[in-house]
Amino acid sequence: MSEVKKRKSIQTIKDPLLEPFFITKDEYSYTIKQNVVSDSSHFRSKGKSKTYEKSLHYYPTLPKALTKIAELKSNMEDYDGLDQFIAEYKLISKQIKQYADDFKSL
């Protein structure tokens, strides 16, 4: 008789440093998600908007997911020059890398 493996629960990791993104973790991967508000003027919305979680990317490790969030966050704004973009990316990456490094040392 074969055993059915019970699915483990999903953990959610939210932090102001990650906003507007967050991470969910299950037994297989780390998923980068974002809360999205639907458009109430869309023809299928019946005049109401709703908020839902949109899965964006899947990664096998937390450090890889954090690195992707740094990239996503730095791509959210327009920049007046390459220097400004690189400075912002480095700042976000440094902040998030600290989390990743702390996680690796556990």
Protein backbone atom coordinates (compact mmCIF):
# COMPACT_ATOMS: atom_id res chain seq x y z
CA MET A 1 0.00 0.00 0.00
CA SER A 2 1.51 3.35 -1.00
CA GLU A 3 1.50 6.32 1.31
CA VAL A 4 0.20 9.68 0.24
CA LYS A 5 2.63 12.41 1.15
CA LYS A 6 0.83 15.23 2.92
CA ARG A 7 1.63 18.60 1.43
CA LYS A 8 3.36 20.92 3.84
CA SER A 9 2.02 24.37 4.48
CA ILE A 10 3.13 27.46 2.65
CA GLN A 11 5.06 30.09 4.58
CA THR A 12 4.87 33.77 3.70
CA ILE A 13 7.83 36.12 4.08
CA LYS A 14 6.93 39.82 4.08
CA ASP A 15 9.27 42.68 4.88
CA PRO A 16 9.16 46.43 4.13
CA LEU A 17 12.53 46.07 2.38
CA LEU A 18 10.95 43.68 -0.14
CA GLU A 19 7.81 45.72 -0.87
CA PRO A 20 5.88 45.73 -3.13
CA PHE A 21 6.97 42.11 -3.43
CA PHE A 22 6.90 39.23 -0.96
CA ILE A 23 7.99 35.62 -0.92
CA THR A 24 6.11 32.42 -0.26
CA LYS A 25 7.97 29.22 0.53
CA ASP A 26 6.81 25.66 0.19
CA GLU A 27 8.70 22.39 0.30
CA TYR A 28 9.93 22.83 -3.29
CA SER A 29 10.65 26.49 -3.99
CA TYR A 30 10.56 30.15 -3.09
CA THR A 31 7.98 32.11 -5.07
CA ILE A 32 8.21 35.86 -5.60
CA LYS A 33 4.72 37.35 -5.52
CA GLN A 34 3.06 40.72 -5.73
CA ASN A 35 -0.39 41.84 -4.66
CA VAL A 36 -2.32 43.16 -7.66
CA VAL A 37 -5.55 45.13 -7.65
CA SER A 38 -7.79 44.34 -10.59
CA ASP A 39 -9.19 47.12 -12.75
CA SER A 40 -12.77 47.88 -11.74
CA SER A 41 -13.46 49.34 -15.20
CA HIS A 42 -12.58 46.07 -16.97
CA PHE A 43 -15.61 44.61 -18.75
CA ARG A 44 -15.48 41.38 -16.71
CA SER A 45 -15.13 43.08 -13.32
CA LYS A 46 -18.83 43.94 -12.83
CA GLY A 47 -17.69 47.32 -11.50
CA LYS A 48 -15.72 45.86 -8.59
CA SER A 49 -12.00 45.55 -8.12
CA LYS A 50 -10.36 42.81 -6.13
CA THR A 51 -6.88 42.15 -4.81
CA TYR A 52 -5.10 38.93 -5.63
CA GLU A 53 -1.61 37.48 -5.37
CA LYS A 54 0.28 37.22 -8.64
CA SER A 55 3.15 34.74 -8.79
CA LEU A 56 6.08 36.24 -10.70
CA HIS A 57 9.13 33.98 -10.35
CA TYR A 58 10.13 30.66 -8.76
CA TYR A 59 13.58 29.93 -7.27
CA PRO A 60 15.12 26.95 -5.49
CA THR A 61 16.86 29.08 -2.84
CA LEU A 62 16.09 32.18 -0.80
CA PRO A 63 19.27 34.04 -1.84
CA LYS A 64 18.35 33.67 -5.53
CA ALA A 65 14.83 34.94 -4.85
CA LEU A 66 16.20 37.93 -2.93
CA THR A 67 18.61 38.75 -5.75
CA LYS A 68 15.71 38.75 -8.23
CA ILE A 69 13.70 41.08 -5.98
CA ALA A 70 16.64 43.53 -5.98
CA GLU A 71 16.55 43.48 -9.77
CA LEU A 72 12.76 43.92 -9.89
CA LYS A 73 12.82 46.82 -7.43
CA SER A 74 15.54 48.66 -9.33
CA ASN A 75 13.52 48.30 -12.55
CA MET A 76 10.42 49.98 -11.12
CA GLU A 77 11.53 53.56 -11.66
CA ASP A 78 12.88 55.68 -14.49
CA TYR A 79 16.40 57.03 -14.14
CA ASP A 80 18.08 60.09 -15.62
CA GLY A 81 21.32 58.26 -16.18
CA LEU A 82 23.15 55.00 -15.95
CA ASP A 83 25.03 56.17 -12.85
CA GLN A 84 21.77 56.80 -11.02
CA PHE A 85 20.41 53.36 -12.00
CA ILE A 86 23.61 51.58 -10.94
CA ALA A 87 23.70 53.44 -7.61
CA GLU A 88 20.08 52.49 -6.86
CA TYR A 89 20.64 48.88 -7.88
CA LYS A 90 23.75 48.65 -5.70
CA LEU A 91 21.89 50.11 -2.72
CA ILE A 92 18.96 47.70 -3.03
CA SER A 93 21.28 44.76 -3.73
CA LYS A 94 23.45 45.56 -0.71
CA GLN A 95 20.43 45.70 1.60
CA ILE A 96 18.97 42.45 0.30
CA LYS A 97 22.37 40.71 0.04
CA GLN A 98 22.77 41.18 3.79
CA TYR A 99 19.65 39.04 4.27
CA ALA A 100 20.95 36.42 1.85
CA ASP A 101 24.36 36.29 3.52
CA ASP A 102 22.77 35.96 6.96
CA PHE A 103 20.59 33.14 5.64
CA LYS A 104 23.57 31.27 4.15
CA SER A 105 25.43 31.42 7.46
CA LEU A 106 22.62 29.66 9.38
